[in-house]
Amino acid sequence: MSEQLTSSRRDCLALALAAAGATWGIPARAADTWRLATGYRADSLHGQNLRQFADELAQLSAGALRIELHTEGKLLPLPQMLPGLMSGKAELGEAIMTGLVKDLPLAGADSVPFIVRSYDDARRLWRHQRPLIEANLASRGLRVLMAVPWPPQGLFSQRPINGATDLRGLNMRTYNSTTVRIAELLQAKAVDVPMIQVGQALAEGRINAMITSAVTGVENQVWSGLKFYYPINAWFPKNLLMVRKEAFDKLDAGQQRLLLQAAVSAEQRGWRLSEQAARESVETLRGNGMRIEPVTSELSQALRRLGEKLSLEWVRSVGPEANQMFISYFTQG
């Protein structure tokens, strides 16, 4: 009698779980665990956002789809992100788009300076950029899930900058071809300095100006050598999260829907986190004695002209798709 009762209870429990699974849209199969590779620290704004993305997806799927977050390039270094994903070393991967320009030339729009001047501009650029990036990655077996920007790049200086001519002759920190070209056009002296050496370069007097985010300025405590910060919003580099299409296609329709839902939520949250980090880092600079100065109309106009010149150079180097993307960006909402 007790065995029959126990069996009956087991049957009822199984039916209840099956019914719950049907109600929640959760497949009755073992949990999947995906690897998510990123080159950034877990405590960065992107790392924190990816952790919340993983937690939310696990909750939405009732544990049926779990993500292991591998940070700091330990699973896949940033330069290996695309080939690593394509070869199946991870199911998901995040990389800064400006680091993908060799394979995705249109991602280079993120580093065309003085064209995107606000978060609203950055959102608009992504709307026109995304379909082209998606089409390119689809041919490589990858699918775009979201893009989240870093805080914008501002101008740091040891002395007041009222116009472009005030930058002539300054030793400007550079770290890629775009910043070298900017220094050249502004008639400043380009000094190649990796991020981890910014503090040392300031202490040694090798640089007295640079374009980088307020967040980087805080992390390197640049107030020891630089006294002025101008929110010129030179560009808004974005991190891109991709998923292997083969892995995505193996999910049932319900799980695909949950994954995309979690990605939309993470993208919206990531943009908010970026804006928050931008505001807070500027206030930290102010609190440590730096002068946060408005951008003069003279400097703004000079930088806008510089942006037009550099955007034309970039369009010529990339081709018709880049031209069409910028036409859409400037003429449409």
C-alpha atoms as a PDB file:
ATOM      1  CA  MET A   1       0.000   0.000   0.000  1.00  0.00           C
ATOM      2  CA  SER A   2       2.781   2.430   0.964  1.00  0.00           C
ATOM      3  CA  GLU A   3       4.666   1.585  -2.271  1.00  0.00           C
ATOM      4  CA  GLN A   4       1.550   2.329  -4.322  1.00  0.00           C
ATOM      5  CA  LEU A   5       1.139   5.629  -2.476  1.00  0.00           C
ATOM      6  CA  THR A   6       4.774   6.575  -3.021  1.00  0.00           C
ATOM      7  CA  SER A   7       4.520   5.716  -6.707  1.00  0.00           C
ATOM      8  CA  SER A   8       1.359   7.774  -6.994  1.00  0.00           C
ATOM      9  CA  ARG A   9       3.069  10.744  -5.395  1.00  0.00           C
ATOM     10  CA  ARG A  10       5.986  10.432  -7.788  1.00  0.00           C
ATOM     11  CA  ASP A  11       3.604  10.362 -10.750  1.00  0.00           C
ATOM     12  CA  CYS A  12       1.792  13.461  -9.467  1.00  0.00           C
ATOM     13  CA  LEU A  13       5.080  15.274  -8.966  1.00  0.00           C
ATOM     14  CA  ALA A  14       6.230  14.384 -12.474  1.00  0.00           C
ATOM     15  CA  LEU A  15       2.963  15.622 -13.933  1.00  0.00           C
ATOM     16  CA  ALA A  16       3.204  18.857 -11.944  1.00  0.00           C
ATOM     17  CA  LEU A  17       6.755  19.508 -13.141  1.00  0.00           C
ATOM     18  CA  ALA A  18       5.790  18.749 -16.735  1.00  0.00           C
ATOM     19  CA  ALA A  19       2.869  21.146 -16.459  1.00  0.00           C
ATOM     20  CA  ALA A  20       5.117  23.837 -14.991  1.00  0.00           C
ATOM     21  CA  GLY A  21       7.595  23.340 -17.820  1.00  0.00           C
ATOM     22  CA  ALA A  22       4.832  23.695 -20.388  1.00  0.00           C
ATOM     23  CA  THR A  23       3.557  26.841 -18.637  1.00  0.00           C
ATOM     24  CA  TRP A  24       6.989  28.468 -18.467  1.00  0.00           C
ATOM     25  CA  GLY A  25       8.015  27.394 -21.975  1.00  0.00           C
ATOM     26  CA  ILE A  26      11.005  25.450 -20.579  1.00  0.00           C
ATOM     27  CA  PRO A  27      12.082  22.284 -22.386  1.00  0.00           C
ATOM     28  CA  ALA A  28      12.242  19.076 -20.398  1.00  0.00           C
ATOM     29  CA  ARG A  29      15.932  18.393 -20.944  1.00  0.00           C
ATOM     30  CA  ALA A  30      19.253  18.825 -19.196  1.00  0.00           C
ATOM     31  CA  ALA A  31      20.621  22.327 -18.657  1.00  0.00           C
ATOM     32  CA  ASP A  32      23.011  23.784 -21.241  1.00  0.00           C
ATOM     33  CA  THR A  33      26.108  25.629 -20.037  1.00  0.00           C
ATOM     34  CA  TRP A  34      27.622  28.130 -22.420  1.00  0.00           C
ATOM     35  CA  ARG A  35      31.009  29.820 -22.194  1.00  0.00           C
ATOM     36  CA  LEU A  36      31.093  33.604 -22.562  1.00  0.00           C
ATOM     37  CA  ALA A  37      34.560  35.015 -23.299  1.00  0.00           C
ATOM     38  CA  THR A  38      35.496  38.658 -22.766  1.00  0.00           C
ATOM     39  CA  GLY A  39      38.801  40.472 -22.646  1.00  0.00           C
ATOM     40  CA  TYR A  40      37.706  42.819 -19.865  1.00  0.00           C
ATOM     41  CA  ARG A  41      37.736  42.661 -16.079  1.00  0.00           C
ATOM     42  CA  ALA A  42      34.773  41.313 -14.150  1.00  0.00           C
ATOM     43  CA  ASP A  43      34.497  44.617 -12.246  1.00  0.00           C
ATOM     44  CA  SER A  44      34.381  46.774 -15.392  1.00  0.00           C
ATOM     45  CA  LEU A  45      30.990  48.173 -16.375  1.00  0.00           C
ATOM     46  CA  HIS A  46      30.866  45.635 -19.218  1.00  0.00           C
ATOM     47  CA  GLY A  47      31.870  42.757 -16.941  1.00  0.00           C
ATOM     48  CA  GLN A  48      29.182  43.675 -14.426  1.00  0.00           C
ATOM     49  CA  ASN A  49      26.584  43.930 -17.159  1.00  0.00           C
ATOM     50  CA  LEU A  50      27.518  40.519 -18.596  1.00  0.00           C
ATOM     51  CA  ARG A  51      27.248  38.959 -15.133  1.00  0.00           C
ATOM     52  CA  GLN A  52      23.726  40.355 -14.772  1.00  0.00           C
ATOM     53  CA  PHE A  53      22.920  39.124 -18.283  1.00  0.00           C
ATOM     54  CA  ALA A  54      23.993  35.598 -17.308  1.00  0.00           C
ATOM     55  CA  ASP A  55      22.066  35.714 -14.031  1.00  0.00           C
ATOM     56  CA  GLU A  56      18.914  36.999 -15.709  1.00  0.00           C
ATOM     57  CA  LEU A  57      19.067  34.340 -18.412  1.00  0.00           C
ATOM     58  CA  ALA A  58      19.468  31.595 -15.825  1.00  0.00           C
ATOM     59  CA  GLN A  59      16.450  32.965 -13.967  1.00  0.00           C
ATOM     60  CA  LEU A  60      14.298  33.359 -17.079  1.00  0.00           C
ATOM     61  CA  SER A  61      15.075  29.816 -18.195  1.00  0.00           C
ATOM     62  CA  ALA A  62      14.679  28.369 -14.679  1.00  0.00           C
ATOM     63  CA  GLY A  63      18.285  27.172 -14.890  1.00  0.00           C
ATOM     64  CA  ALA A  64      17.888  25.456 -18.259  1.00  0.00           C
ATOM     65  CA  LEU A  65      20.435  27.778 -19.910  1.00  0.00           C
ATOM     66  CA  ARG A  66      23.475  28.815 -17.905  1.00  0.00           C
ATOM     67  CA  ILE A  67      26.470  30.961 -18.838  1.00  0.00           C
ATOM     68  CA  GLU A  68      30.001  30.712 -17.481  1.00  0.00           C
ATOM     69  CA  LEU A  69      31.669  34.128 -17.680  1.00  0.00           C
ATOM     70  CA  HIS A  70      35.390  34.018 -18.574  1.00  0.00           C
ATOM     71  CA  THR A  71      36.956  37.470 -18.114  1.00  0.00           C
ATOM     72  CA  GLU A  72      40.311  39.195 -18.821  1.00  0.00           C
ATOM     73  CA  GLY A  73      40.970  37.229 -21.997  1.00  0.00           C
ATOM     74  CA  LYS A  74      41.609  34.025 -20.057  1.00  0.00           C
ATOM     75  CA  LEU A  75      39.500  31.921 -22.401  1.00  0.00           C
ATOM     76  CA  LEU A  76      39.915  34.006 -25.563  1.00  0.00           C
ATOM     77  CA  PRO A  77      42.188  37.072 -25.835  1.00  0.00           C
ATOM     78  CA  LEU A  78      40.559  40.006 -27.609  1.00  0.00           C
ATOM     79  CA  PRO A  79      42.608  39.584 -30.829  1.00  0.00           C
ATOM     80  CA  GLN A  80      41.440  35.950 -31.001  1.00  0.00           C
ATOM     81  CA  MET A  81      37.764  36.589 -30.281  1.00  0.00           C
ATOM     82  CA  LEU A  82      36.365  36.204 -33.810  1.00  0.00           C
ATOM     83  CA  PRO A  83      38.403  33.155 -34.878  1.00  0.00           C
ATOM     84  CA  GLY A  84      37.925  31.616 -31.439  1.00  0.00           C
ATOM     85  CA  LEU A  85      34.148  31.920 -31.638  1.00  0.00           C
ATOM     86  CA  MET A  86      34.073  30.658 -35.206  1.00  0.00           C
ATOM     87  CA  SER A  87      36.078  27.574 -34.215  1.00  0.00           C
ATOM     88  CA  GLY A  88      33.811  26.809 -31.248  1.00  0.00           C
ATOM     89  CA  LYS A  89      36.128  27.682 -28.346  1.00  0.00           C
ATOM     90  CA  ALA A  90      33.222  29.587 -26.789  1.00  0.00           C
ATOM     91  CA  GLU A  91      29.521  29.984 -27.495  1.00  0.00           C
ATOM     92  CA  LEU A  92      29.467  33.707 -26.733  1.00  0.00           C
ATOM     93  CA  GLY A  93      32.123  36.383 -27.029  1.00  0.00           C
ATOM     94  CA  GLU A  94      32.494  40.100 -26.337  1.00  0.00           C
ATOM     95  CA  ALA A  95      35.038  42.403 -27.973  1.00  0.00           C
ATOM     96  CA  ILE A  96      35.480  46.114 -28.588  1.00  0.00           C
ATOM     97  CA  MET A  97      34.337  46.863 -32.113  1.00  0.00           C
ATOM     98  CA  THR A  98      37.325  49.053 -32.959  1.00  0.00           C
ATOM     99  CA  GLY A  99      39.479  45.972 -32.408  1.00  0.00           C
ATOM    100  CA  LEU A 100      37.556  44.066 -35.096  1.00  0.00           C
ATOM    101  CA  VAL A 101      38.105  46.445 -38.010  1.00  0.00           C
ATOM    102  CA  LYS A 102      40.439  44.074 -39.854  1.00  0.00           C
ATOM    103  CA  ASP A 103      37.559  41.615 -40.253  1.00  0.00           C
ATOM    104  CA  LEU A 104      34.668  44.099 -39.876  1.00  0.00           C
ATOM    105  CA  PRO A 105      35.700  47.389 -41.516  1.00  0.00           C
ATOM    106  CA  LEU A 106      32.321  48.994 -40.734  1.00  0.00           C
ATOM    107  CA  ALA A 107      33.045  48.572 -37.025  1.00  0.00           C
ATOM    108  CA  GLY A 108      35.625  51.313 -37.524  1.00  0.00           C
ATOM    109  CA  ALA A 109      32.830  53.901 -37.553  1.00  0.00           C
ATOM    110  CA  ASP A 110      33.142  53.791 -33.764  1.00  0.00           C
ATOM    111  CA  SER A 111      36.548  55.436 -33.937  1.00  0.00           C
ATOM    112  CA  VAL A 112      35.750  58.162 -36.485  1.00  0.00           C
ATOM    113  CA  PRO A 113      36.112  61.184 -34.186  1.00  0.00           C
ATOM    114  CA  PHE A 114      33.838  64.178 -33.605  1.00  0.00           C
ATOM    115  CA  ILE A 115      30.911  62.708 -35.567  1.00  0.00           C
ATOM    116  CA  VAL A 116      29.030  61.110 -32.667  1.00  0.00           C
ATOM    117  CA  ARG A 117      28.718  63.808 -30.002  1.00  0.00           C
ATOM    118  CA  SER A 118      26.197  62.361 -27.520  1.00  0.00           C
ATOM    119  CA  TYR A 119      24.681  59.102 -26.317  1.00  0.00           C
ATOM    120  CA  ASP A 120      21.649  59.824 -28.500  1.00  0.00           C
ATOM    121  CA  ASP A 121      23.970  60.150 -31.502  1.00  0.00           C
ATOM    122  CA  ALA A 122      25.676  56.890 -30.528  1.00  0.00           C
ATOM    123  CA  ARG A 123      22.328  55.095 -30.386  1.00  0.00           C
ATOM    124  CA  ARG A 124      21.411  56.445 -33.810  1.00  0.00           C
ATOM    125  CA  LEU A 125      24.723  55.330 -35.307  1.00  0.00           C
ATOM    126  CA  TRP A 126      24.225  51.831 -33.881  1.00  0.00           C
ATOM    127  CA  ARG A 127      20.764  51.614 -35.473  1.00  0.00           C
ATOM    128  CA  HIS A 128      22.298  52.196 -38.912  1.00  0.00           C
ATOM    129  CA  GLN A 129      25.471  50.233 -38.226  1.00  0.00           C
ATOM    130  CA  ARG A 130      23.900  47.110 -36.745  1.00  0.00           C
ATOM    131  CA  PRO A 131      22.242  45.604 -39.869  1.00  0.00           C
ATOM    132  CA  LEU A 132      25.525  45.838 -41.769  1.00  0.00           C
ATOM    133  CA  ILE A 133      27.524  44.292 -38.926  1.00  0.00           C
ATOM    134  CA  GLU A 134      24.904  41.545 -38.569  1.00  0.00           C
ATOM    135  CA  ALA A 135      25.075  40.667 -42.260  1.00  0.00           C
ATOM    136  CA  ASN A 136      28.856  40.445 -42.163  1.00  0.00           C
ATOM    137  CA  LEU A 137      28.938  38.290 -39.039  1.00  0.00           C
ATOM    138  CA  ALA A 138      26.160  36.016 -40.313  1.00  0.00           C
ATOM    139  CA  SER A 139      28.464  34.934 -43.128  1.00  0.00           C
ATOM    140  CA  ARG A 140      30.930  33.856 -40.423  1.00  0.00           C
ATOM    141  CA  GLY A 141      28.374  31.834 -38.473  1.00  0.00           C
ATOM    142  CA  LEU A 142      27.906  34.471 -35.775  1.00  0.00           C
ATOM    143  CA  ARG A 143      24.918  36.466 -34.575  1.00  0.00           C
ATOM    144  CA  VAL A 144      24.842  39.882 -32.888  1.00  0.00           C
ATOM    145  CA  LEU A 145      23.172  40.019 -29.487  1.00  0.00           C
ATOM    146  CA  MET A 146      23.949  43.563 -28.342  1.00  0.00           C
ATOM    147  CA  ALA A 147      26.391  46.468 -28.282  1.00  0.00           C
ATOM    148  CA  VAL A 148      27.160  48.667 -25.264  1.00  0.00           C
ATOM    149  CA  PRO A 149      29.334  51.809 -25.368  1.00  0.00           C
ATOM    150  CA  TRP A 150      32.193  52.847 -23.174  1.00  0.00           C
ATOM    151  CA  PRO A 151      31.906  56.376 -21.792  1.00  0.00           C
ATOM    152  CA  PRO A 152      32.875  59.024 -24.366  1.00  0.00           C
ATOM    153  CA  GLN A 153      36.396  60.260 -24.960  1.00  0.00           C
ATOM    154  CA  GLY A 154      37.230  63.665 -23.516  1.00  0.00           C
ATOM    155  CA  LEU A 155      40.197  66.034 -23.789  1.00  0.00           C
ATOM    156  CA  PHE A 156      42.703  66.297 -20.915  1.00  0.00           C
ATOM    157  CA  SER A 157      45.296  69.037 -20.835  1.00  0.00           C
ATOM    158  CA  GLN A 158      47.883  70.629 -18.622  1.00  0.00           C
ATOM    159  CA  ARG A 159      46.820  74.095 -19.760  1.00  0.00           C
ATOM    160  CA  PRO A 160      43.566  75.759 -20.907  1.00  0.00           C
ATOM    161  CA  ILE A 161      42.352  74.866 -24.410  1.00  0.00           C
ATOM    162  CA  ASN A 162      40.069  77.468 -25.963  1.00  0.00           C
ATOM    163  CA  GLY A 163      40.672  76.560 -29.609  1.00  0.00           C
ATOM    164  CA  ALA A 164      42.453  74.025 -31.754  1.00  0.00           C
ATOM    165  CA  THR A 165      45.525  76.248 -32.014  1.00  0.00           C
ATOM    166  CA  ASP A 166      46.098  75.838 -28.259  1.00  0.00           C
ATOM    167  CA  LEU A 167      46.958  72.191 -28.901  1.00  0.00           C
ATOM    168  CA  ARG A 168      49.837  72.982 -31.229  1.00  0.00           C
ATOM    169  CA  GLY A 169      53.138  71.696 -29.943  1.00  0.00           C
ATOM    170  CA  LEU A 170      51.658  69.792 -26.996  1.00  0.00           C
ATOM    171  CA  ASN A 171      52.852  66.248 -26.343  1.00  0.00           C
ATOM    172  CA  MET A 172      49.640  64.296 -26.934  1.00  0.00           C
ATOM    173  CA  ARG A 173      49.267  60.707 -25.824  1.00  0.00           C
ATOM    174  CA  THR A 174      48.349  58.416 -28.734  1.00  0.00           C
ATOM    175  CA  TYR A 175      47.468  54.723 -28.760  1.00  0.00           C
ATOM    176  CA  ASN A 176      46.089  53.918 -32.231  1.00  0.00           C
ATOM    177  CA  SER A 177      46.077  55.214 -35.797  1.00  0.00           C
ATOM    178  CA  THR A 178      43.112  57.520 -35.153  1.00  0.00           C
ATOM    179  CA  THR A 179      44.731  59.342 -32.240  1.00  0.00           C
ATOM    180  CA  VAL A 180      47.984  59.635 -34.191  1.00  0.00           C
ATOM    181  CA  ARG A 181      46.091  61.218 -37.097  1.00  0.00           C
ATOM    182  CA  ILE A 182      44.297  63.631 -34.733  1.00  0.00           C
ATOM    183  CA  ALA A 183      47.610  64.725 -33.206  1.00  0.00           C
ATOM    184  CA  GLU A 184      49.011  65.220 -36.692  1.00  0.00           C
ATOM    185  CA  LEU A 185      46.101  67.387 -37.852  1.00  0.00           C
ATOM    186  CA  LEU A 186      46.148  69.428 -34.628  1.00  0.00           C
ATOM    187  CA  GLN A 187      49.893  69.909 -34.999  1.00  0.00           C
ATOM    188  CA  ALA A 188      50.553  68.257 -31.658  1.00  0.00           C
ATOM    189  CA  LYS A 189      53.406  65.834 -31.059  1.00  0.00           C
ATOM    190  CA  ALA A 190      52.205  62.208 -30.998  1.00  0.00           C
ATOM    191  CA  VAL A 191      53.601  60.205 -28.056  1.00  0.00           C
ATOM    192  CA  ASP A 192      52.676  56.516 -28.018  1.00  0.00           C
ATOM    193  CA  VAL A 193      51.698  55.542 -24.457  1.00  0.00           C
ATOM    194  CA  PRO A 194      49.746  52.383 -23.510  1.00  0.00           C
ATOM    195  CA  MET A 195      47.017  52.858 -20.915  1.00  0.00           C
ATOM    196  CA  ILE A 196      48.983  51.128 -18.155  1.00  0.00           C
ATOM    197  CA  GLN A 197      51.863  53.600 -18.622  1.00  0.00           C
ATOM    198  CA  VAL A 198      49.815  56.832 -18.532  1.00  0.00           C
ATOM    199  CA  GLY A 199      50.671  57.596 -14.897  1.00  0.00           C
ATOM    200  CA  GLN A 200      54.375  57.052 -15.498  1.00  0.00           C
ATOM    201  CA  ALA A 201      54.347  59.181 -18.666  1.00  0.00           C
ATOM    202  CA  LEU A 202      52.697  62.037 -16.765  1.00  0.00           C
ATOM    203  CA  ALA A 203      55.178  61.782 -13.898  1.00  0.00           C
ATOM    204  CA  GLU A 204      58.060  61.904 -16.367  1.00  0.00           C
ATOM    205  CA  GLY A 205      56.576  64.865 -18.244  1.00  0.00           C
ATOM    206  CA  ARG A 206      56.401  62.965 -21.543  1.00  0.00           C
ATOM    207  CA  ILE A 207      52.757  63.933 -22.186  1.00  0.00           C
ATOM    208  CA  ASN A 208      50.719  67.019 -21.338  1.00  0.00           C
ATOM    209  CA  ALA A 209      47.519  66.319 -23.280  1.00  0.00           C
ATOM    210  CA  MET A 210      45.446  63.307 -24.281  1.00  0.00           C
ATOM    211  CA  ILE A 211      42.059  62.215 -25.546  1.00  0.00           C
ATOM    212  CA  THR A 212      40.560  59.418 -23.482  1.00  0.00           C
ATOM    213  CA  SER A 213      37.515  58.749 -21.308  1.00  0.00           C
ATOM    214  CA  ALA A 214      37.003  60.297 -17.895  1.00  0.00           C
ATOM    215  CA  VAL A 215      36.873  56.732 -16.559  1.00  0.00           C
ATOM    216  CA  THR A 216      40.436  56.108 -17.798  1.00  0.00           C
ATOM    217  CA  GLY A 217      41.434  59.441 -16.282  1.00  0.00           C
ATOM    218  CA  VAL A 218      40.104  58.354 -12.887  1.00  0.00           C
ATOM    219  CA  GLU A 219      41.695  54.907 -13.086  1.00  0.00           C
ATOM    220  CA  ASN A 220      45.082  56.539 -13.771  1.00  0.00           C
ATOM    221  CA  GLN A 221      44.599  59.441 -11.336  1.00  0.00           C
ATOM    222  CA  VAL A 222      45.683  61.875 -14.026  1.00  0.00           C
ATOM    223  CA  TRP A 223      45.006  64.911 -11.814  1.00  0.00           C
ATOM    224  CA  SER A 224      48.603  64.547 -10.643  1.00  0.00           C
ATOM    225  CA  GLY A 225      49.803  65.920 -13.988  1.00  0.00           C
ATOM    226  CA  LEU A 226      46.799  67.271 -15.907  1.00  0.00           C
ATOM    227  CA  LYS A 227      44.574  70.080 -14.676  1.00  0.00           C
ATOM    228  CA  PHE A 228      41.843  70.582 -17.304  1.00  0.00           C
ATOM    229  CA  TYR A 229      39.150  68.264 -18.703  1.00  0.00           C
ATOM    230  CA  TYR A 230      36.903  69.120 -21.662  1.00  0.00           C
ATOM    231  CA  PRO A 231      33.898  66.854 -22.459  1.00  0.00           C
ATOM    232  CA  ILE A 232      34.413  66.935 -26.237  1.00  0.00           C
ATOM    233  CA  ASN A 233      32.821  63.450 -26.615  1.00  0.00           C
ATOM    234  CA  ALA A 234      35.264  62.586 -29.379  1.00  0.00           C
ATOM    235  CA  TRP A 235      33.801  59.120 -29.941  1.00  0.00           C
ATOM    236  CA  PHE A 236      31.828  56.391 -28.190  1.00  0.00           C
ATOM    237  CA  PRO A 237      33.563  53.012 -28.696  1.00  0.00           C
ATOM    238  CA  LYS A 238      31.225  50.040 -28.239  1.00  0.00           C
ATOM    239  CA  ASN A 239      31.678  46.475 -27.075  1.00  0.00           C
ATOM    240  CA  LEU A 240      29.903  43.876 -29.192  1.00  0.00           C
ATOM    241  CA  LEU A 241      28.407  40.640 -27.812  1.00  0.00           C
ATOM    242  CA  MET A 242      28.148  37.788 -30.322  1.00  0.00           C
ATOM    243  CA  VAL A 243      26.790  34.242 -30.200  1.00  0.00           C
ATOM    244  CA  ARG A 244      27.662  31.291 -32.419  1.00  0.00           C
ATOM    245  CA  LYS A 245      24.727  30.695 -34.753  1.00  0.00           C
ATOM    246  CA  GLU A 246      25.198  26.929 -34.473  1.00  0.00           C
ATOM    247  CA  ALA A 247      24.713  27.110 -30.709  1.00  0.00           C
ATOM    248  CA  PHE A 248      21.774  29.500 -31.031  1.00  0.00           C
ATOM    249  CA  ASP A 249      20.036  27.285 -33.595  1.00  0.00           C
ATOM    250  CA  LYS A 250      20.249  24.271 -31.269  1.00  0.00           C
ATOM    251  CA  LEU A 251      18.006  26.034 -28.756  1.00  0.00           C
ATOM    252  CA  ASP A 252      14.283  25.575 -29.079  1.00  0.00           C
ATOM    253  CA  ALA A 253      12.132  28.567 -29.974  1.00  0.00           C
ATOM    254  CA  GLY A 254      11.288  29.296 -26.337  1.00  0.00           C
ATOM    255  CA  GLN A 255      14.914  29.433 -25.242  1.00  0.00           C
ATOM    256  CA  GLN A 256      15.908  31.517 -28.251  1.00  0.00           C
ATOM    257  CA  ARG A 257      13.218  34.000 -27.258  1.00  0.00           C
ATOM    258  CA  LEU A 258      14.504  34.118 -23.667  1.00  0.00           C
ATOM    259  CA  LEU A 259      18.096  34.630 -24.791  1.00  0.00           C
ATOM    260  CA  LEU A 260      17.122  37.528 -27.048  1.00  0.00           C
ATOM    261  CA  GLN A 261      14.956  38.985 -24.286  1.00  0.00           C
ATOM    262  CA  ALA A 262      17.867  38.897 -21.831  1.00  0.00           C
ATOM    263  CA  ALA A 263      20.136  40.499 -24.456  1.00  0.00           C
ATOM    264  CA  VAL A 264      17.707  43.384 -25.044  1.00  0.00           C
ATOM    265  CA  SER A 265      17.495  43.956 -21.295  1.00  0.00           C
ATOM    266  CA  ALA A 266      21.299  43.832 -20.948  1.00  0.00           C
ATOM    267  CA  GLU A 267      21.809  46.271 -23.823  1.00  0.00           C
ATOM    268  CA  GLN A 268      19.419  48.804 -22.301  1.00  0.00           C
ATOM    269  CA  ARG A 269      20.997  48.373 -18.868  1.00  0.00           C
ATOM    270  CA  GLY A 270      24.514  48.636 -20.322  1.00  0.00           C
ATOM    271  CA  TRP A 271      23.811  52.002 -21.933  1.00  0.00           C
ATOM    272  CA  ARG A 272      22.468  53.275 -18.592  1.00  0.00           C
ATOM    273  CA  LEU A 273      25.557  51.976 -16.774  1.00  0.00           C
ATOM    274  CA  SER A 274      27.815  53.686 -19.306  1.00  0.00           C
ATOM    275  CA  GLU A 275      26.059  57.029 -18.892  1.00  0.00           C
ATOM    276  CA  GLN A 276      26.213  56.660 -15.114  1.00  0.00           C
ATOM    277  CA  ALA A 277      29.942  55.842 -15.221  1.00  0.00           C
ATOM    278  CA  ALA A 278      30.556  58.886 -17.440  1.00  0.00           C
ATOM    279  CA  ARG A 279      28.801  61.227 -14.998  1.00  0.00           C
ATOM    280  CA  GLU A 280      30.412  59.753 -11.893  1.00  0.00           C
ATOM    281  CA  SER A 281      33.944  59.753 -13.306  1.00  0.00           C
ATOM    282  CA  VAL A 282      33.688  63.421 -14.317  1.00  0.00           C
ATOM    283  CA  GLU A 283      32.588  64.266 -10.764  1.00  0.00           C
ATOM    284  CA  THR A 284      35.543  62.269  -9.404  1.00  0.00           C
ATOM    285  CA  LEU A 285      37.898  64.309 -11.586  1.00  0.00           C
ATOM    286  CA  ARG A 286      36.280  67.477 -10.255  1.00  0.00           C
ATOM    287  CA  GLY A 287      36.527  66.247  -6.683  1.00  0.00           C
ATOM    288  CA  ASN A 288      40.272  65.738  -7.120  1.00  0.00           C
ATOM    289  CA  GLY A 289      40.900  69.292  -8.199  1.00  0.00           C
ATOM    290  CA  MET A 290      40.587  69.093 -11.982  1.00  0.00           C
ATOM    291  CA  ARG A 291      38.783  71.914 -13.734  1.00  0.00           C
ATOM    292  CA  ILE A 292      35.880  70.641 -15.845  1.00  0.00           C
ATOM    293  CA  GLU A 293      35.603  73.266 -18.549  1.00  0.00           C
ATOM    294  CA  PRO A 294      32.930  73.757 -21.213  1.00  0.00           C
ATOM    295  CA  VAL A 295      33.950  73.287 -24.836  1.00  0.00           C
ATOM    296  CA  THR A 296      34.154  76.687 -26.515  1.00  0.00           C
ATOM    297  CA  SER A 297      32.302  77.247 -29.781  1.00  0.00           C
ATOM    298  CA  GLU A 298      35.668  77.877 -31.462  1.00  0.00           C
ATOM    299  CA  LEU A 299      37.035  74.511 -30.342  1.00  0.00           C
ATOM    300  CA  SER A 300      33.757  72.722 -31.112  1.00  0.00           C
ATOM    301  CA  GLN A 301      33.677  74.042 -34.680  1.00  0.00           C
ATOM    302  CA  ALA A 302      37.313  73.133 -35.264  1.00  0.00           C
ATOM    303  CA  LEU A 303      36.740  69.585 -34.015  1.00  0.00           C
ATOM    304  CA  ARG A 304      33.609  69.230 -36.144  1.00  0.00           C
ATOM    305  CA  ARG A 305      35.576  70.205 -39.255  1.00  0.00           C
ATOM    306  CA  LEU A 306      38.253  67.729 -38.248  1.00  0.00           C
ATOM    307  CA  GLY A 307      35.591  65.033 -37.896  1.00  0.00           C
ATOM    308  CA  GLU A 308      34.249  65.745 -41.382  1.00  0.00           C
ATOM    309  CA  LYS A 309      37.734  65.396 -42.835  1.00  0.00           C
ATOM    310  CA  LEU A 310      38.462  62.151 -41.007  1.00  0.00           C
ATOM    311  CA  SER A 311      35.048  60.675 -41.831  1.00  0.00           C
ATOM    312  CA  LEU A 312      35.682  61.282 -45.540  1.00  0.00           C
ATOM    313  CA  GLU A 313      39.068  59.600 -45.228  1.00  0.00           C
ATOM    314  CA  TRP A 314      37.466  56.634 -43.490  1.00  0.00           C
ATOM    315  CA  VAL A 315      34.645  56.313 -46.027  1.00  0.00           C
ATOM    316  CA  ARG A 316      37.145  56.296 -48.893  1.00  0.00           C
ATOM    317  CA  SER A 317      39.146  53.553 -47.186  1.00  0.00           C
ATOM    318  CA  VAL A 318      36.114  51.325 -46.460  1.00  0.00           C
ATOM    319  CA  GLY A 319      33.895  51.864 -49.497  1.00  0.00           C
ATOM    320  CA  PRO A 320      30.228  52.295 -50.519  1.00  0.00           C
ATOM    321  CA  GLU A 321      28.689  50.593 -47.476  1.00  0.00           C
ATOM    322  CA  ALA A 322      30.433  53.057 -45.174  1.00  0.00           C
ATOM    323  CA  ASN A 323      29.217  55.945 -47.293  1.00  0.00           C
ATOM    324  CA  GLN A 324      25.625  54.704 -47.232  1.00  0.00           C
ATOM    325  CA  MET A 325      25.768  54.144 -43.473  1.00  0.00           C
ATOM    326  CA  PHE A 326      26.897  57.704 -42.790  1.00  0.00           C
ATOM    327  CA  ILE A 327      24.353  59.141 -45.246  1.00  0.00           C
ATOM    328  CA  SER A 328      21.626  57.289 -43.325  1.00  0.00           C
ATOM    329  CA  TYR A 329      23.083  58.380 -39.987  1.00  0.00           C
ATOM    330  CA  PHE A 330      23.128  62.069 -40.945  1.00  0.00           C
ATOM    331  CA  THR A 331      19.812  62.206 -42.820  1.00  0.00           C
ATOM    332  CA  GLN A 332      17.557  59.824 -40.887  1.00  0.00           C
ATOM    333  CA  GLY A 333      16.435  59.569 -37.293  1.00  0.00           C
END
